[in-house]
């Protein structure tokens, strides 16, 4: 007869602790911290001013500034002004829209949407794509992102504040694309 609380000579608590440790580690190796989300072979990123194909001339510099701020804030990469950096993040703003969502009885817009779309490509020094989008067939095609933000002019919100919020959200999504896939 086995005494209560002992299995094969080990206390039941030690056995449960061993099983919990094995379950917590899983089957694969795991790295802790945010450094494991990003590539080890890249240390510097060059971000040229975003090409702007819209009629709002200031969107390119504003998006570039927001992306650089997000890279410096969230990633271990250092943004440099040197085109010979470890990698180059190219940004191209392809479209900017303002859509009316609801109107007042006098045909004045009550709620609007501002939308900015961009195409990004992140390449290493040799020109190899670093964005791991397995849906793309051609590596020369960038990853397309679309970001929108709702604003209400009656509440004192303007198109400029809405566009800045849209640009900040788009920059956040662009930097999230720089994370390694699981």
Protein backbone atom coordinates (compact mmCIF):
# COMPACT_ATOMS: atom_id res chain seq x y z
CA UNK A 1 0.00 0.00 0.00
CA UNK A 2 1.28 3.51 -0.99
CA UNK A 3 1.14 6.07 1.80
CA UNK A 4 -1.18 9.02 1.18
CA UNK A 5 0.54 11.98 -0.51
CA UNK A 6 3.48 10.00 -1.90
CA UNK A 7 3.80 8.68 -5.44
CA UNK A 8 6.76 6.45 -6.17
CA UNK A 9 8.82 7.85 -3.33
CA UNK A 10 8.33 11.54 -4.28
CA UNK A 11 6.01 13.78 -2.35
CA UNK A 12 2.86 14.67 -4.30
CA UNK A 13 3.70 18.36 -4.06
CA UNK A 14 7.08 17.87 -5.75
CA UNK A 15 5.45 15.84 -8.52
CA UNK A 16 2.82 18.53 -9.13
CA UNK A 17 5.53 21.18 -9.17
CA UNK A 18 7.51 19.21 -11.75
CA UNK A 19 4.43 18.79 -13.97
CA UNK A 20 3.58 22.50 -13.67
CA UNK A 21 7.12 23.47 -14.71
CA UNK A 22 7.00 21.17 -17.73
CA UNK A 23 3.63 22.55 -18.80
CA UNK A 24 4.74 26.16 -18.32
CA UNK A 25 7.81 25.82 -20.54
CA UNK A 26 5.94 24.24 -23.44
CA UNK A 27 7.47 22.37 -26.33
CA UNK A 28 9.52 25.16 -27.91
CA UNK A 29 12.13 27.49 -26.56
CA UNK A 30 10.75 30.78 -25.38
CA UNK A 31 12.49 34.12 -25.07
CA UNK A 32 11.31 36.69 -22.58
CA UNK A 33 11.03 40.42 -23.21
CA UNK A 34 10.32 42.56 -26.24
CA UNK A 35 13.74 41.93 -27.78
CA UNK A 36 12.55 38.50 -28.92
CA UNK A 37 9.90 40.16 -31.11
CA UNK A 38 12.48 41.74 -33.39
CA UNK A 39 15.23 40.49 -35.68
CA UNK A 40 18.71 40.06 -34.19
CA UNK A 41 20.54 40.72 -37.47
CA UNK A 42 19.15 44.27 -37.81
CA UNK A 43 20.44 47.08 -35.60
CA UNK A 44 19.88 50.23 -37.68
CA UNK A 45 17.01 51.38 -39.90
CA UNK A 46 17.06 54.14 -42.49
CA UNK A 47 13.65 55.75 -43.03
CA UNK A 48 13.61 58.15 -45.99
CA UNK A 49 10.80 60.70 -46.20
CA UNK A 50 7.61 58.96 -47.30
CA UNK A 51 6.64 59.43 -50.92
CA UNK A 52 3.29 61.14 -51.09
CA UNK A 53 0.93 60.55 -54.02
CA UNK A 54 -1.89 62.66 -52.58
CA UNK A 55 -2.73 66.34 -52.80
CA UNK A 56 -1.98 66.93 -49.11
CA UNK A 57 1.69 67.82 -49.35
CA UNK A 58 2.46 67.50 -45.62
CA UNK A 59 1.40 63.86 -45.14
CA UNK A 60 4.78 62.39 -46.16
CA UNK A 61 6.92 64.20 -43.57
CA UNK A 62 4.26 63.73 -40.88
CA UNK A 63 4.06 59.96 -41.46
CA UNK A 64 7.85 59.67 -41.56
CA UNK A 65 8.18 61.53 -38.27
CA UNK A 66 5.51 59.36 -36.61
CA UNK A 67 7.12 56.12 -37.84
CA UNK A 68 10.57 57.20 -36.62
CA UNK A 69 9.08 58.08 -33.23
CA UNK A 70 7.41 54.65 -32.97
CA UNK A 71 10.56 52.77 -34.04
CA UNK A 72 12.66 54.58 -31.43
CA UNK A 73 9.99 54.06 -28.77
CA UNK A 74 9.02 50.43 -29.32
CA UNK A 75 11.88 48.60 -31.00
CA UNK A 76 15.55 47.93 -30.25
CA UNK A 77 16.46 49.43 -33.64
CA UNK A 78 18.26 52.74 -34.03
CA UNK A 79 17.01 55.05 -36.78
CA UNK A 80 19.87 56.62 -38.73
CA UNK A 81 20.15 59.13 -41.54
CA UNK A 82 22.62 56.88 -43.37
CA UNK A 83 21.24 55.06 -46.45
CA UNK A 84 23.86 52.33 -45.82
CA UNK A 85 22.08 51.21 -42.62
CA UNK A 86 21.31 47.55 -41.94
CA UNK A 87 17.82 48.02 -43.38
CA UNK A 88 15.67 50.56 -45.23
CA UNK A 89 11.98 51.15 -44.52
CA UNK A 90 10.32 52.73 -47.57
CA UNK A 91 6.92 54.36 -47.14
CA UNK A 92 4.57 55.48 -49.89
CA UNK A 93 1.25 57.19 -49.17
CA UNK A 94 -1.08 56.13 -51.95
CA UNK A 95 -4.41 57.65 -51.00
CA UNK A 96 -6.12 60.03 -48.59
CA UNK A 97 -9.90 60.20 -48.35
CA UNK A 98 -12.50 62.09 -46.38
CA UNK A 99 -15.86 60.31 -46.29
CA UNK A 100 -19.11 61.75 -44.96
CA UNK A 101 -20.77 59.25 -42.63
CA UNK A 102 -23.83 61.21 -41.48
CA UNK A 103 -25.39 64.50 -42.54
CA UNK A 104 -27.69 67.00 -40.85
CA UNK A 105 -31.03 67.96 -42.41
CA UNK A 106 -29.29 70.99 -43.95
CA UNK A 107 -26.77 68.72 -45.77
CA UNK A 108 -23.96 69.72 -43.42
CA UNK A 109 -21.66 66.82 -42.50
CA UNK A 110 -22.04 65.67 -38.90
CA UNK A 111 -19.58 62.77 -38.76
CA UNK A 112 -16.76 62.11 -41.18
CA UNK A 113 -14.04 59.55 -41.69
CA UNK A 114 -10.48 60.39 -42.66
CA UNK A 115 -8.63 57.50 -44.28
CA UNK A 116 -4.96 57.21 -45.26
CA UNK A 117 -3.55 54.25 -47.16
CA UNK A 118 0.14 53.46 -47.50
CA UNK A 119 2.40 50.86 -49.04
CA UNK A 120 5.47 49.86 -47.07
CA UNK A 121 8.52 47.79 -47.88
CA UNK A 122 11.32 46.93 -45.48
CA UNK A 123 14.50 45.59 -47.06
CA UNK A 124 17.90 44.66 -45.72
CA UNK A 125 21.17 46.04 -47.07
CA UNK A 126 21.23 43.49 -49.91
CA UNK A 127 17.65 44.32 -50.97
CA UNK A 128 16.00 41.22 -49.50
CA UNK A 129 12.50 41.86 -48.12
CA UNK A 130 12.23 41.65 -44.33
CA UNK A 131 8.45 41.89 -43.99
CA UNK A 132 7.21 38.34 -43.67
CA UNK A 133 3.94 38.48 -45.54
CA UNK A 134 3.33 34.99 -46.89
CA UNK A 135 0.30 36.11 -48.90
CA UNK A 136 2.43 38.13 -51.32
CA UNK A 137 3.73 36.37 -54.40
CA UNK A 138 6.05 39.10 -55.72
CA UNK A 139 8.66 40.44 -53.30
CA UNK A 140 8.77 43.77 -55.17
CA UNK A 141 5.22 44.57 -54.07
CA UNK A 142 4.98 46.28 -50.70
CA UNK A 143 2.57 45.60 -47.89
CA UNK A 144 -0.56 47.77 -48.11
CA UNK A 145 -2.06 49.27 -44.97
CA UNK A 146 -5.24 51.31 -44.60
CA UNK A 147 -6.05 53.34 -41.50
CA UNK A 148 -9.09 55.47 -40.75
CA UNK A 149 -10.27 57.77 -38.00
CA UNK A 150 -13.71 59.23 -37.31
CA UNK A 151 -14.19 62.91 -36.46
CA UNK A 152 -17.14 65.19 -35.74
CA UNK A 153 -16.77 68.84 -36.85
CA UNK A 154 -19.69 69.92 -34.63
CA UNK A 155 -17.70 68.79 -31.59
CA UNK A 156 -14.75 70.98 -32.55
CA UNK A 157 -12.69 68.29 -34.24
CA UNK A 158 -10.93 69.24 -37.47
CA UNK A 159 -9.61 67.31 -40.44
CA UNK A 160 -6.05 68.10 -39.34
CA UNK A 161 -6.48 66.59 -35.87
CA UNK A 162 -8.20 63.58 -37.40
CA UNK A 163 -5.43 63.13 -39.97
CA UNK A 164 -2.80 63.33 -37.22
CA UNK A 165 -4.59 60.63 -35.22
CA UNK A 166 -4.85 58.54 -38.41
CA UNK A 167 -1.13 59.03 -39.13
CA UNK A 168 -0.20 58.06 -35.55
CA UNK A 169 -2.34 54.90 -35.77
CA UNK A 170 -0.87 54.06 -39.18
CA UNK A 171 2.68 54.51 -37.84
CA UNK A 172 1.82 52.16 -34.98
CA UNK A 173 0.60 49.54 -37.46
CA UNK A 174 3.69 49.96 -39.65
CA UNK A 175 6.04 49.36 -36.72
CA UNK A 176 3.93 46.38 -35.65
CA UNK A 177 4.60 44.88 -39.09
CA UNK A 178 8.33 44.99 -38.27
CA UNK A 179 7.85 42.37 -35.53
CA UNK A 180 8.90 38.81 -36.33
CA UNK A 181 6.10 36.33 -36.90
CA UNK A 182 5.71 33.39 -34.57
